[in-house]
Amino acid sequence: MTDGTTPESLFADVVLPLHRANKRRNVHYFVPGPEAGQPTYWEAPASRTGGVGRLGIGEGDGSALLNQLGDYWAEHDEAPLAQMLPDLEALWRDLLEPDSVASDQSGRLSLSVYPLF
């Protein structure tokens, strides 16, 4: 990849540290179990379009989607998630350039690939 960002480095250098920081602060995006003191989990039905962003025809490329995601994170005070945007943008740009990825591969499979019988 052009700037050294790979899916593996994005996970190891950005996502995993964010996960650990959220765990220390007891921040959960999806509640992992029953909440103490919660008598019921009933919530009013949510709107099917609540929170859904819209892009016009021809505006739905990865950059526009990432910009909307950044705006959403900023609106919901999710600064740690917003810090991932430059890495996600670089990863998106590199995915658009298949020639640069293909030239990095020797055509040989990794030893970690095992056939299933």
Protein backbone atom coordinates (compact mmCIF):
# COMPACT_ATOMS: atom_id res chain seq x y z
CA MET A 1 0.00 0.00 0.00
CA THR A 2 1.18 3.47 -0.74
CA ASP A 3 1.47 4.89 2.77
CA GLY A 4 2.21 1.66 4.63
CA THR A 5 -1.40 1.10 5.71
CA THR A 6 -2.51 -2.48 5.28
CA PRO A 7 -5.64 -4.15 6.63
CA GLU A 8 -3.43 -5.91 9.16
CA SER A 9 -1.71 -2.71 10.30
CA LEU A 10 -5.06 -0.87 10.47
CA PHE A 11 -6.36 -3.58 12.79
CA ALA A 12 -3.18 -3.84 14.88
CA ASP A 13 -2.32 -0.13 15.08
CA VAL A 14 -5.77 1.48 15.17
CA VAL A 15 -8.69 -0.86 15.83
CA LEU A 16 -7.12 -3.00 18.56
CA PRO A 17 -5.79 -0.05 20.62
CA LEU A 18 -9.21 1.63 20.29
CA HIS A 19 -10.87 -1.56 21.51
CA ARG A 20 -8.55 -1.74 24.52
CA ALA A 21 -9.10 1.95 25.36
CA ASN A 22 -12.87 1.53 25.15
CA LYS A 23 -12.67 -1.56 27.34
CA ARG A 24 -10.74 0.39 30.00
CA ARG A 25 -13.36 3.16 29.90
CA ASN A 26 -16.19 0.58 29.91
CA VAL A 27 -17.50 1.85 26.55
CA HIS A 28 -19.56 -0.68 24.58
CA TYR A 29 -21.13 -0.17 21.17
CA PHE A 30 -23.09 -3.38 21.55
CA VAL A 31 -23.99 -4.38 25.08
CA PRO A 32 -22.25 -7.73 25.72
CA GLY A 33 -24.76 -8.98 28.28
CA PRO A 34 -27.64 -8.08 30.57
CA GLU A 35 -27.46 -4.63 32.11
CA ALA A 36 -27.70 -4.53 35.90
CA GLY A 37 -30.82 -2.76 37.12
CA GLN A 38 -32.51 -2.86 33.71
CA PRO A 39 -36.07 -4.11 34.35
CA THR A 40 -36.82 -4.60 30.64
CA TYR A 41 -35.17 -4.31 27.28
CA TRP A 42 -38.26 -2.96 25.56
CA GLU A 43 -37.67 0.13 23.45
CA ALA A 44 -40.05 1.99 21.21
CA PRO A 45 -39.70 0.90 17.58
CA ALA A 46 -37.08 2.95 15.78
CA SER A 47 -37.74 4.70 12.52
CA ARG A 48 -36.58 2.71 9.53
CA THR A 49 -34.85 5.82 8.23
CA GLY A 50 -33.66 7.25 11.56
CA GLY A 51 -30.00 8.16 11.23
CA VAL A 52 -29.75 7.07 7.63
CA GLY A 53 -27.71 9.44 5.51
CA ARG A 54 -28.44 10.04 1.85
CA LEU A 55 -26.10 10.58 -1.06
CA GLY A 56 -27.19 11.65 -4.52
CA ILE A 57 -26.65 9.57 -7.63
CA GLY A 58 -22.97 9.61 -8.49
CA GLU A 59 -21.97 10.86 -5.02
CA GLY A 60 -21.75 7.49 -3.33
CA ASP A 61 -18.05 6.76 -3.65
CA GLY A 62 -15.97 5.60 -0.72
CA SER A 63 -14.67 9.06 0.08
CA ALA A 64 -18.20 10.51 0.39
CA LEU A 65 -19.29 7.60 2.56
CA LEU A 66 -16.26 8.02 4.82
CA ASN A 67 -16.99 11.76 5.10
CA GLN A 68 -20.55 11.00 6.20
CA LEU A 69 -19.26 8.47 8.67
CA GLY A 70 -16.83 11.06 10.06
CA ASP A 71 -19.66 13.60 10.41
CA TYR A 72 -21.77 10.99 12.22
CA TRP A 73 -18.92 10.16 14.61
CA ALA A 74 -18.30 13.86 15.27
CA GLU A 75 -22.01 14.44 15.92
CA HIS A 76 -22.07 11.57 18.42
CA ASP A 77 -18.83 12.64 20.13
CA GLU A 78 -16.85 9.60 18.99
CA ALA A 79 -13.46 11.24 18.53
CA PRO A 80 -11.51 7.96 18.90
CA LEU A 81 -13.47 6.44 16.02
CA ALA A 82 -13.00 9.57 13.93
CA GLN A 83 -9.22 9.18 14.32
CA MET A 84 -9.46 6.09 12.10
CA LEU A 85 -10.72 8.08 9.12
CA PRO A 86 -7.30 8.88 7.53
CA ASP A 87 -6.33 5.20 7.70
CA LEU A 88 -9.69 4.10 6.29
CA GLU A 89 -9.35 6.67 3.49
CA ALA A 90 -5.85 5.38 2.64
CA LEU A 91 -7.10 1.80 2.67
CA TRP A 92 -10.00 2.75 0.36
CA ARG A 93 -7.63 4.49 -2.08
CA ASP A 94 -5.34 1.46 -2.15
CA LEU A 95 -8.26 -0.88 -2.82
CA LEU A 96 -9.03 1.18 -5.92
CA GLU A 97 -5.55 0.52 -7.31
CA PRO A 98 -5.49 -3.24 -8.01
CA ASP A 99 -2.26 -2.96 -10.05
CA SER A 100 -0.22 -1.82 -7.04
CA VAL A 101 -1.54 -4.69 -4.93
CA ALA A 102 -1.03 -7.28 -7.67
CA SER A 103 2.56 -6.24 -8.23
CA ASP A 104 3.35 -6.85 -4.55
CA GLN A 105 2.25 -10.49 -4.73
CA SER A 106 4.49 -13.25 -5.96
CA GLY A 107 1.60 -15.54 -6.87
CA ARG A 108 2.58 -18.03 -4.19
CA LEU A 109 0.21 -18.95 -1.40
CA SER A 110 1.13 -18.37 2.19
CA LEU A 111 2.04 -21.37 4.33
CA SER A 112 -0.96 -20.51 6.50
CA VAL A 113 -3.35 -21.54 3.69
CA TYR A 114 -4.39 -25.16 4.10
CA PRO A 115 -6.66 -27.10 1.76
CA LEU A 116 -9.85 -28.45 3.27
CA PHE A 117 -10.80 -32.04 2.50
